[in-house]
Each structure stands twice: as structure tokens, then as C-alpha cells.
Amino acid sequence: MSILEVFQWIQDTAPMTALRESALVYPIVMTGHLTGMALFGGMIAITDLRLLGWAMRSASIADVVDQLRIWKRIGFVLVVGCGAMLLGAKAEMYYYNPFYWAKMTLLLLVGIHALAFRSVYRNNATPRKAKVAACLSLLIWIGLVTAGRSIAYWDIPEDVTPVYGSGGTTTHHARH
């Protein structure tokens, strides 16, 4: 089974069809995803600005990280949970969207960055390493948000655009 077929199967399940066809639930899930991005990304931005010495200079890095941890976790759960539902509802459309794949790649880089620079956030890093970590984090997040917003503005070629019907029927087009 190819990735495309897995995406098609996911979007054709009853819960994802119901989400896609809902005039009320889909926008609420999208709002949850964007709220989570603002919360998660915003808390990371504050942490990065502290690492750079541009904000909250009177607080230690460890204190800033500790105080923002729960808000980062809440944002992360919203982003992942709502993002998975949004993906599932229109998976085939996302499959063909290069900005979706750019966003997923940058999201992977966020995880790798977090693992690679974990010591920075525990206040064990040299100032130079902390500043490099913060700059990289900010750049990755700017790219991730840009790619995420660009998803909505990319038109899928007509020869592969899925046609969603009422009652959960979807016509899939094979790539030529």
C-alpha cells in the first residue's frame, strides 16, 4: 500500500468524512490547530528570546522553561490532535501539496532541534550554544508557520484533485 493509498483510506473513514462534511466542526478543529500553534510556537519564541538575552533577562533560563512548560505541552497537544484530524479529513489533498510536505519536514527538524539542544534549555549550555540554538529554533519556526499558511494557497492540479461527494463518497484520481 502506497502513502497515497493510506492517505485515501484515512480520509474515506466515517469520522474523517463526517469532519470534512461538517460546516461547524471543521472550522472549530482548524481554530484549535491555529490556537495550539500560537500557544506552542509562542512559548517557544519566548524561550528563544530569553536564550538570546532579548526578553525576561531577570529570570533564569531554567525558570522561564519551567514556567512555560505546561503551556507548551497544552499547545503541543492541540497542534498534534487537531492537525491529525485536519490531515485525516483532507489527506489526499495534502498528499499532493508540497507545502504540506515542507511543513512536515520542518516539524521533524523542530523535534531534532529539541533533542540536539536539550542541554541548552536546562541552563547547561555556553552562551554561544544557547544563542545558536535560539536562532535556529526561530528560523525553523518561521519556516514552519510560513509553510503551514502556504498550504491553503496552493492549488492542486485538476488531474489529481479529489472530488468529494455527499454521503462520504470520494472520487480519487490517479497521478498520470
N, C-alpha and C. Protein backbone atom coordinates (compact mmCIF):
# COMPACT_ATOMS: atom_id res chain seq x y z
N MET A 1 0.84 -1.17 0.00
CA MET A 1 0.00 0.00 0.00
C MET A 1 0.90 1.25 0.00
N SER A 2 0.67 2.13 -0.94
CA SER A 2 1.47 3.35 -1.04
C SER A 2 1.01 4.38 -0.01
N ILE A 3 1.81 5.42 0.17
CA ILE A 3 1.43 6.51 1.09
C ILE A 3 0.13 7.15 0.61
N LEU A 4 0.00 7.34 -0.69
CA LEU A 4 -1.23 7.93 -1.24
C LEU A 4 -2.44 7.06 -0.88
N GLU A 5 -2.32 5.76 -1.04
CA GLU A 5 -3.44 4.87 -0.72
C GLU A 5 -3.78 4.90 0.76
N VAL A 6 -2.77 5.01 1.61
CA VAL A 6 -3.02 5.13 3.05
C VAL A 6 -3.76 6.44 3.34
N PHE A 7 -3.31 7.53 2.72
CA PHE A 7 -3.98 8.82 2.90
C PHE A 7 -5.43 8.75 2.43
N GLN A 8 -5.67 8.11 1.27
CA GLN A 8 -7.03 7.98 0.76
C GLN A 8 -7.89 7.15 1.70
N TRP A 9 -7.34 6.07 2.22
CA TRP A 9 -8.08 5.21 3.13
C TRP A 9 -8.46 5.99 4.39
N ILE A 10 -7.52 6.74 4.95
CA ILE A 10 -7.79 7.52 6.17
C ILE A 10 -8.92 8.52 5.92
N GLN A 11 -8.83 9.27 4.81
CA GLN A 11 -9.85 10.29 4.58
C GLN A 11 -11.21 9.70 4.25
N ASP A 12 -11.26 8.46 3.82
CA ASP A 12 -12.53 7.83 3.49
C ASP A 12 -13.19 7.15 4.69
N THR A 13 -12.54 7.19 5.86
CA THR A 13 -13.19 6.62 7.06
C THR A 13 -14.35 7.50 7.47
N ALA A 14 -15.30 6.91 8.16
CA ALA A 14 -16.52 7.64 8.56
C ALA A 14 -16.21 8.89 9.41
N PRO A 15 -15.34 8.81 10.42
CA PRO A 15 -15.09 10.02 11.23
C PRO A 15 -14.46 11.16 10.41
N MET A 16 -13.55 10.82 9.51
CA MET A 16 -12.90 11.87 8.72
C MET A 16 -13.85 12.45 7.68
N THR A 17 -14.72 11.61 7.13
CA THR A 17 -15.74 12.10 6.20
C THR A 17 -16.70 13.04 6.92
N ALA A 18 -17.12 12.64 8.12
CA ALA A 18 -18.04 13.49 8.91
C ALA A 18 -17.38 14.83 9.24
N LEU A 19 -16.11 14.79 9.61
CA LEU A 19 -15.40 16.03 9.91
C LEU A 19 -15.31 16.93 8.68
N ARG A 20 -14.94 16.35 7.55
CA ARG A 20 -14.79 17.10 6.31
C ARG A 20 -16.11 17.73 5.88
N GLU A 21 -17.21 17.02 6.08
CA GLU A 21 -18.51 17.49 5.62
C GLU A 21 -19.22 18.39 6.62
N SER A 22 -18.66 18.55 7.80
CA SER A 22 -19.29 19.37 8.83
C SER A 22 -18.99 20.86 8.61
N ALA A 23 -20.06 21.64 8.57
CA ALA A 23 -19.89 23.09 8.40
C ALA A 23 -19.47 23.74 9.71
N LEU A 24 -19.63 23.06 10.83
CA LEU A 24 -19.31 23.63 12.13
C LEU A 24 -18.05 23.05 12.74
N VAL A 25 -17.91 21.73 12.72
CA VAL A 25 -16.81 21.07 13.42
C VAL A 25 -15.46 21.35 12.76
N TYR A 26 -15.39 21.29 11.43
CA TYR A 26 -14.12 21.50 10.74
C TYR A 26 -13.51 22.86 11.10
N PRO A 27 -14.27 23.96 11.05
CA PRO A 27 -13.68 25.25 11.43
C PRO A 27 -13.26 25.31 12.91
N ILE A 28 -13.98 24.60 13.77
CA ILE A 28 -13.59 24.57 15.19
C ILE A 28 -12.26 23.84 15.35
N VAL A 29 -12.10 22.73 14.65
CA VAL A 29 -10.83 21.98 14.70
C VAL A 29 -9.70 22.84 14.14
N MET A 30 -9.95 23.54 13.04
CA MET A 30 -8.93 24.44 12.47
C MET A 30 -8.55 25.52 13.47
N THR A 31 -9.54 26.08 14.15
CA THR A 31 -9.26 27.09 15.17
C THR A 31 -8.42 26.51 16.30
N GLY A 32 -8.74 25.29 16.71
CA GLY A 32 -7.93 24.62 17.74
C GLY A 32 -6.49 24.43 17.29
N HIS A 33 -6.30 24.07 16.03
CA HIS A 33 -4.95 23.88 15.49
C HIS A 33 -4.18 25.20 15.49
N LEU A 34 -4.82 26.25 15.03
CA LEU A 34 -4.15 27.56 14.99
C LEU A 34 -3.88 28.09 16.40
N THR A 35 -4.81 27.86 17.32
CA THR A 35 -4.60 28.28 18.71
C THR A 35 -3.43 27.52 19.31
N GLY A 36 -3.37 26.23 19.05
CA GLY A 36 -2.25 25.43 19.54
C GLY A 36 -0.92 25.89 18.96
N MET A 37 -0.91 26.24 17.68
CA MET A 37 0.32 26.76 17.05
C MET A 37 0.75 28.05 17.73
N ALA A 38 -0.21 28.94 17.98
CA ALA A 38 0.12 30.20 18.63
C ALA A 38 0.67 29.96 20.03
N LEU A 39 0.04 29.05 20.77
CA LEU A 39 0.45 28.76 22.13
C LEU A 39 1.81 28.07 22.15
N PHE A 40 1.94 26.99 21.41
CA PHE A 40 3.18 26.22 21.38
C PHE A 40 4.32 27.05 20.80
N GLY A 41 4.09 27.61 19.62
CA GLY A 41 5.13 28.41 18.97
C GLY A 41 5.44 29.68 19.75
N GLY A 42 4.42 30.29 20.36
CA GLY A 42 4.63 31.50 21.14
C GLY A 42 5.49 31.25 22.36
N MET A 43 5.25 30.14 23.05
CA MET A 43 6.05 29.82 24.23
C MET A 43 7.49 29.48 23.84
N ILE A 44 7.64 28.83 22.71
CA ILE A 44 9.00 28.54 22.22
C ILE A 44 9.70 29.84 21.84
N ALA A 45 8.97 30.76 21.21
CA ALA A 45 9.56 32.06 20.84
C ALA A 45 10.01 32.82 22.09
N ILE A 46 9.20 32.80 23.14
CA ILE A 46 9.59 33.47 24.38
C ILE A 46 10.86 32.85 24.95
N THR A 47 10.92 31.52 24.94
CA THR A 47 12.12 30.82 25.42
C THR A 47 13.34 31.21 24.57
N ASP A 48 13.16 31.24 23.26
CA ASP A 48 14.27 31.61 22.37
C ASP A 48 14.72 33.05 22.62
N LEU A 49 13.78 33.94 22.80
CA LEU A 49 14.13 35.34 23.08
C LEU A 49 14.88 35.46 24.41
N ARG A 50 14.51 34.63 25.39
CA ARG A 50 15.26 34.62 26.66
C ARG A 50 16.67 34.10 26.44
N LEU A 51 16.81 33.04 25.65
CA LEU A 51 18.15 32.50 25.36
C LEU A 51 19.05 33.53 24.67
N LEU A 52 18.43 34.34 23.83
CA LEU A 52 19.19 35.38 23.14
C LEU A 52 19.46 36.58 24.03
N GLY A 53 18.83 36.63 25.19
CA GLY A 53 19.01 37.75 26.10
C GLY A 53 18.20 38.97 25.70
N TRP A 54 17.16 38.77 24.91
CA TRP A 54 16.34 39.88 24.41
C TRP A 54 15.06 40.06 25.22
N ALA A 55 14.73 39.13 26.07
CA ALA A 55 13.50 39.21 26.86
C ALA A 55 13.70 38.50 28.20
N MET A 56 12.98 38.94 29.20
CA MET A 56 12.94 38.30 30.52
C MET A 56 14.34 38.07 31.09
N ARG A 57 15.20 39.03 30.96
CA ARG A 57 16.60 38.89 31.38
C ARG A 57 16.77 38.68 32.88
N SER A 58 15.79 39.13 33.66
CA SER A 58 15.92 38.97 35.12
C SER A 58 15.60 37.55 35.57
N ALA A 59 14.99 36.75 34.72
CA ALA A 59 14.66 35.36 35.05
C ALA A 59 15.71 34.43 34.46
N SER A 60 16.02 33.36 35.16
CA SER A 60 16.97 32.39 34.62
C SER A 60 16.31 31.62 33.49
N ILE A 61 17.13 31.06 32.64
CA ILE A 61 16.61 30.25 31.53
C ILE A 61 15.79 29.10 32.08
N ALA A 62 16.30 28.46 33.13
CA ALA A 62 15.59 27.32 33.72
C ALA A 62 14.22 27.74 34.25
N ASP A 63 14.13 28.91 34.89
CA ASP A 63 12.84 29.39 35.39
C ASP A 63 11.86 29.65 34.25
N VAL A 64 12.33 30.26 33.18
CA VAL A 64 11.46 30.54 32.04
C VAL A 64 10.96 29.23 31.44
N VAL A 65 11.86 28.29 31.24
CA VAL A 65 11.47 26.99 30.68
C VAL A 65 10.46 26.29 31.59
N ASP A 66 10.73 26.28 32.89
CA ASP A 66 9.83 25.62 33.83
C ASP A 66 8.44 26.25 33.83
N GLN A 67 8.38 27.59 33.80
CA GLN A 67 7.10 28.27 33.87
C GLN A 67 6.28 28.13 32.58
N LEU A 68 6.95 27.95 31.47
CA LEU A 68 6.24 27.85 30.20
C LEU A 68 5.95 26.40 29.79
N ARG A 69 6.51 25.45 30.49
CA ARG A 69 6.41 24.03 30.10
C ARG A 69 4.96 23.57 29.93
N ILE A 70 4.10 23.83 30.90
CA ILE A 70 2.71 23.34 30.80
C ILE A 70 2.00 23.96 29.61
N TRP A 71 2.26 25.23 29.32
CA TRP A 71 1.62 25.90 28.19
C TRP A 71 2.13 25.36 26.87
N LYS A 72 3.42 25.02 26.82
CA LYS A 72 3.96 24.37 25.62
C LYS A 72 3.29 23.03 25.40
N ARG A 73 3.11 22.28 26.46
CA ARG A 73 2.50 20.95 26.35
C ARG A 73 1.05 21.04 25.89
N ILE A 74 0.31 21.99 26.46
CA ILE A 74 -1.09 22.18 26.03
C ILE A 74 -1.13 22.55 24.55
N GLY A 75 -0.26 23.48 24.14
CA GLY A 75 -0.20 23.88 22.73
C GLY A 75 0.17 22.71 21.83
N PHE A 76 1.13 21.91 22.28
CA PHE A 76 1.57 20.75 21.50
C PHE A 76 0.42 19.77 21.30
N VAL A 77 -0.33 19.47 22.36
CA VAL A 77 -1.45 18.54 22.26
C VAL A 77 -2.50 19.08 21.29
N LEU A 78 -2.80 20.38 21.37
CA LEU A 78 -3.76 20.98 20.45
C LEU A 78 -3.27 20.88 19.00
N VAL A 79 -2.01 21.22 18.78
CA VAL A 79 -1.45 21.20 17.42
C VAL A 79 -1.50 19.80 16.84
N VAL A 80 -1.01 18.83 17.58
CA VAL A 80 -0.94 17.46 17.06
C VAL A 80 -2.34 16.86 16.92
N GLY A 81 -3.16 17.01 17.94
CA GLY A 81 -4.51 16.43 17.88
C GLY A 81 -5.35 17.02 16.77
N CYS A 82 -5.42 18.34 16.73
CA CYS A 82 -6.23 18.99 15.70
C CYS A 82 -5.60 18.83 14.32
N GLY A 83 -4.27 18.88 14.25
CA GLY A 83 -3.57 18.70 12.98
C GLY A 83 -3.82 17.33 12.38
N ALA A 84 -3.83 16.31 13.23
CA ALA A 84 -4.10 14.95 12.74
C ALA A 84 -5.52 14.85 12.19
N MET A 85 -6.47 15.51 12.86
CA MET A 85 -7.85 15.48 12.35
C MET A 85 -7.97 16.24 11.03
N LEU A 86 -7.30 17.38 10.93
CA LEU A 86 -7.34 18.15 9.68
C LEU A 86 -6.70 17.35 8.54
N LEU A 87 -5.59 16.71 8.82
CA LEU A 87 -4.94 15.87 7.81
C LEU A 87 -5.87 14.75 7.39
N GLY A 88 -6.45 14.06 8.35
CA GLY A 88 -7.32 12.93 8.03
C GLY A 88 -8.52 13.32 7.19
N ALA A 89 -9.06 14.51 7.42
CA ALA A 89 -10.25 14.94 6.70
C ALA A 89 -9.99 15.20 5.22
N LYS A 90 -8.80 15.67 4.90
CA LYS A 90 -8.47 16.01 3.51
C LYS A 90 -7.09 15.48 3.14
N ALA A 91 -6.82 14.26 3.55
CA ALA A 91 -5.49 13.68 3.40
C ALA A 91 -4.99 13.65 1.97
N GLU A 92 -5.86 13.29 1.05
CA GLU A 92 -5.42 13.19 -0.35
C GLU A 92 -5.00 14.56 -0.89
N MET A 93 -5.73 15.59 -0.51
CA MET A 93 -5.35 16.93 -0.96
C MET A 93 -3.99 17.33 -0.39
N TYR A 94 -3.74 16.99 0.87
CA TYR A 94 -2.45 17.31 1.47
C TYR A 94 -1.32 16.51 0.83
N TYR A 95 -1.62 15.28 0.44
CA TYR A 95 -0.60 14.44 -0.17
C TYR A 95 0.04 15.13 -1.37
N TYR A 96 -0.75 15.82 -2.17
CA TYR A 96 -0.25 16.47 -3.38
C TYR A 96 0.32 17.87 -3.13
N ASN A 97 0.22 18.38 -1.93
CA ASN A 97 0.61 19.75 -1.63
C ASN A 97 2.07 19.82 -1.15
N PRO A 98 2.96 20.45 -1.91
CA PRO A 98 4.37 20.50 -1.50
C PRO A 98 4.57 21.28 -0.20
N PHE A 99 3.69 22.22 0.10
CA PHE A 99 3.83 22.98 1.34
C PHE A 99 3.50 22.12 2.57
N TYR A 100 2.61 21.15 2.40
CA TYR A 100 2.34 20.21 3.49
C TYR A 100 3.61 19.43 3.81
N TRP A 101 4.28 18.92 2.78
CA TRP A 101 5.49 18.14 3.00
C TRP A 101 6.62 19.00 3.55
N ALA A 102 6.69 20.26 3.12
CA ALA A 102 7.69 21.18 3.69
C ALA A 102 7.40 21.39 5.18
N LYS A 103 6.13 21.55 5.52
CA LYS A 103 5.76 21.75 6.93
C LYS A 103 6.13 20.51 7.75
N MET A 104 5.84 19.33 7.23
CA MET A 104 6.16 18.10 7.97
C MET A 104 7.67 17.94 8.15
N THR A 105 8.43 18.32 7.12
CA THR A 105 9.89 18.25 7.22
C THR A 105 10.39 19.21 8.29
N LEU A 106 9.86 20.43 8.30
CA LEU A 106 10.26 21.41 9.30
C LEU A 106 9.81 20.97 10.70
N LEU A 107 8.67 20.31 10.80
CA LEU A 107 8.22 19.80 12.09
C LEU A 107 9.18 18.72 12.59
N LEU A 108 9.66 17.90 11.70
CA LEU A 108 10.68 16.91 12.06
C LEU A 108 11.95 17.62 12.55
N LEU A 109 12.33 18.69 11.88
CA LEU A 109 13.50 19.46 12.30
C LEU A 109 13.30 20.10 13.69
N VAL A 110 12.08 20.50 14.00
CA VAL A 110 11.79 21.02 15.35
C VAL A 110 12.11 19.95 16.39
N GLY A 111 11.67 18.72 16.12
CA GLY A 111 11.95 17.62 17.05
C GLY A 111 13.42 17.31 17.17
N ILE A 112 14.12 17.28 16.04
CA ILE A 112 15.56 17.02 16.06
C ILE A 112 16.28 18.14 16.81
N HIS A 113 15.87 19.37 16.55
CA HIS A 113 16.46 20.53 17.25
C HIS A 113 16.26 20.40 18.76
N ALA A 114 15.05 20.04 19.18
CA ALA A 114 14.77 19.91 20.61
C ALA A 114 15.66 18.85 21.25
N LEU A 115 15.87 17.74 20.57
CA LEU A 115 16.74 16.70 21.10
C LEU A 115 18.21 17.12 21.10
N ALA A 116 18.63 17.76 20.03
CA ALA A 116 20.03 18.15 19.90
C ALA A 116 20.43 19.24 20.89
N PHE A 117 19.51 20.13 21.21
CA PHE A 117 19.84 21.27 22.07
C PHE A 117 19.17 21.18 23.43
N ARG A 118 18.82 19.99 23.84
CA ARG A 118 18.15 19.82 25.13
C ARG A 118 18.92 20.44 26.29
N SER A 119 20.23 20.30 26.28
CA SER A 119 21.04 20.83 27.39
C SER A 119 20.97 22.35 27.49
N VAL A 120 20.73 23.02 26.37
CA VAL A 120 20.62 24.48 26.37
C VAL A 120 19.48 24.93 27.28
N TYR A 121 18.38 24.21 27.21
CA TYR A 121 17.19 24.60 27.96
C TYR A 121 17.28 24.22 29.43
N ARG A 122 18.28 23.46 29.77
CA ARG A 122 18.49 23.10 31.17
C ARG A 122 19.57 23.98 31.80
N ASN A 123 19.93 25.05 31.11
CA ASN A 123 20.88 26.05 31.61
C ASN A 123 22.29 25.50 31.73
N ASN A 124 22.63 24.46 30.95
CA ASN A 124 23.96 23.88 30.99
C ASN A 124 24.81 24.30 29.79
N ALA A 125 24.29 25.17 28.98
CA ALA A 125 24.96 25.50 27.73
C ALA A 125 25.81 26.76 27.87
N THR A 126 26.77 26.83 26.98
CA THR A 126 27.54 28.06 26.88
C THR A 126 26.66 29.11 26.23
N PRO A 127 26.91 30.38 26.51
CA PRO A 127 26.07 31.43 25.89
C PRO A 127 26.03 31.33 24.36
N ARG A 128 27.16 30.97 23.75
CA ARG A 128 27.18 30.87 22.29
C ARG A 128 26.26 29.75 21.80
N LYS A 129 26.34 28.59 22.45
CA LYS A 129 25.49 27.46 22.06
C LYS A 129 24.01 27.81 22.26
N ALA A 130 23.69 28.52 23.33
CA ALA A 130 22.30 28.93 23.58
C ALA A 130 21.80 29.86 22.49
N LYS A 131 22.63 30.78 22.07
CA LYS A 131 22.23 31.73 21.03
C LYS A 131 22.06 31.04 19.68
N VAL A 132 22.94 30.09 19.37
CA VAL A 132 22.81 29.32 18.12
C VAL A 132 21.50 28.52 18.15
N ALA A 133 21.24 27.88 19.29
CA ALA A 133 20.01 27.09 19.42
C ALA A 133 18.78 27.97 19.23
N ALA A 134 18.78 29.14 19.84
CA ALA A 134 17.63 30.05 19.75
C ALA A 134 17.44 30.56 18.32
N CYS A 135 18.52 30.93 17.67
CA CYS A 135 18.41 31.43 16.28
C CYS A 135 17.89 30.34 15.35
N LEU A 136 18.43 29.13 15.47
CA LEU A 136 17.95 28.02 14.65
C LEU A 136 16.48 27.73 14.91
N SER A 137 16.11 27.74 16.17
CA SER A 137 14.71 27.49 16.52
C SER A 137 13.79 28.52 15.89
N LEU A 138 14.14 29.79 16.00
CA LEU A 138 13.31 30.84 15.43
C LEU A 138 13.19 30.70 13.91
N LEU A 139 14.30 30.38 13.26
CA LEU A 139 14.27 30.21 11.80
C LEU A 139 13.40 29.02 11.39
N ILE A 140 13.55 27.91 12.10
CA ILE A 140 12.74 26.73 11.78
C ILE A 140 11.26 27.04 11.98
N TRP A 141 10.92 27.72 13.06
CA TRP A 141 9.51 28.03 13.34
C TRP A 141 8.94 29.02 12.33
N ILE A 142 9.72 29.99 11.92
CA ILE A 142 9.25 30.93 10.89
C ILE A 142 8.95 30.16 9.60
N GLY A 143 9.85 29.24 9.24
CA GLY A 143 9.64 28.41 8.05
C GLY A 143 8.42 27.52 8.19
N LEU A 144 8.24 26.93 9.38
CA LEU A 144 7.11 26.03 9.61
C LEU A 144 5.78 26.78 9.49
N VAL A 145 5.70 27.93 10.11
CA VAL A 145 4.45 28.71 10.04
C VAL A 145 4.20 29.18 8.61
N THR A 146 5.24 29.60 7.92
CA THR A 146 5.10 30.04 6.53
C THR A 146 4.60 28.89 5.64
N ALA A 147 5.21 27.73 5.80
CA ALA A 147 4.78 26.56 5.01
C ALA A 147 3.34 26.19 5.35
N GLY A 148 3.01 26.21 6.64
CA GLY A 148 1.66 25.88 7.07
C GLY A 148 0.61 26.81 6.47
N ARG A 149 0.89 28.09 6.49
CA ARG A 149 -0.07 29.04 5.90
C ARG A 149 -0.12 28.90 4.39
N SER A 150 0.98 28.54 3.77
CA SER A 150 1.03 28.41 2.31
C SER A 150 0.22 27.23 1.80
N ILE A 151 -0.03 26.26 2.67
CA ILE A 151 -0.81 25.09 2.27
C ILE A 151 -2.15 25.51 1.66
N ALA A 152 -2.78 26.48 2.27
CA ALA A 152 -4.11 26.91 1.82
C ALA A 152 -4.10 27.64 0.48
N TYR A 153 -2.95 28.11 0.06
CA TYR A 153 -2.88 28.93 -1.15
C TYR A 153 -2.31 28.20 -2.35
N TRP A 154 -2.08 26.91 -2.22
CA TRP A 154 -1.56 26.11 -3.34
C TRP A 154 -2.70 25.31 -3.92
N ASP A 155 -2.89 25.44 -5.21
CA ASP A 155 -3.97 24.72 -5.89
C ASP A 155 -3.46 23.38 -6.42
N ILE A 156 -4.21 22.35 -6.11
CA ILE A 156 -3.87 21.01 -6.56
C ILE A 156 -4.18 20.91 -8.05
N PRO A 157 -3.29 20.31 -8.84
CA PRO A 157 -3.59 20.15 -10.27
C PRO A 157 -4.92 19.41 -10.47
N GLU A 158 -5.66 19.86 -11.45
CA GLU A 158 -7.01 19.30 -11.68
C GLU A 158 -7.00 17.80 -11.92
N ASP A 159 -5.94 17.28 -12.53
CA ASP A 159 -5.93 15.85 -12.85
C ASP A 159 -5.80 14.96 -11.61
N VAL A 160 -5.49 15.53 -10.45
CA VAL A 160 -5.37 14.73 -9.23
C VAL A 160 -6.27 15.24 -8.10
N THR A 161 -7.05 16.27 -8.34
CA THR A 161 -7.91 16.82 -7.30
C THR A 161 -9.02 15.84 -6.96
N PRO A 162 -9.13 15.44 -5.68
CA PRO A 162 -10.23 14.54 -5.31
C PRO A 162 -11.55 15.29 -5.39
N VAL A 163 -12.60 14.57 -5.72
CA VAL A 163 -13.93 15.16 -5.78
C VAL A 163 -14.74 14.56 -4.63
N TYR A 164 -15.09 15.41 -3.68
CA TYR A 164 -15.83 14.96 -2.51
C TYR A 164 -17.31 15.05 -2.79
N GLY A 165 -18.01 13.94 -2.62
CA GLY A 165 -19.45 13.92 -2.82
C GLY A 165 -20.18 13.90 -1.50
N SER A 166 -21.47 14.00 -1.56
CA SER A 166 -22.26 13.94 -0.32
C SER A 166 -22.34 12.49 0.14
N GLY A 167 -22.50 12.33 1.43
CA GLY A 167 -22.62 10.98 1.97
C GLY A 167 -21.30 10.24 2.04
N GLY A 168 -20.20 10.96 1.93
CA GLY A 168 -18.89 10.36 2.12
C GLY A 168 -18.25 9.76 0.89
N THR A 169 -18.83 9.94 -0.28
CA THR A 169 -18.21 9.37 -1.47
C THR A 169 -17.11 10.31 -1.97
N THR A 170 -16.01 9.73 -2.34
CA THR A 170 -14.88 10.50 -2.87
C THR A 170 -14.41 9.84 -4.15
N THR A 171 -14.21 10.65 -5.17
CA THR A 171 -13.65 10.15 -6.41
C THR A 171 -12.17 10.48 -6.38
N HIS A 172 -11.33 9.43 -6.46
CA HIS A 172 -9.89 9.60 -6.43
C HIS A 172 -9.36 9.57 -7.87
N HIS A 173 -8.39 10.42 -8.12
CA HIS A 173 -7.76 10.43 -9.44
C HIS A 173 -6.33 9.96 -9.31
N ALA A 174 -5.94 9.05 -10.15
CA ALA A 174 -4.57 8.56 -10.13
C ALA A 174 -3.67 9.55 -10.86
N ARG A 175 -2.47 9.70 -10.35
CA ARG A 175 -1.49 10.59 -10.98
C ARG A 175 -1.01 9.93 -12.27
N HIS A 176 -0.97 10.72 -13.35
CA HIS A 176 -0.54 10.19 -14.66
C HIS A 176 0.95 10.27 -14.78
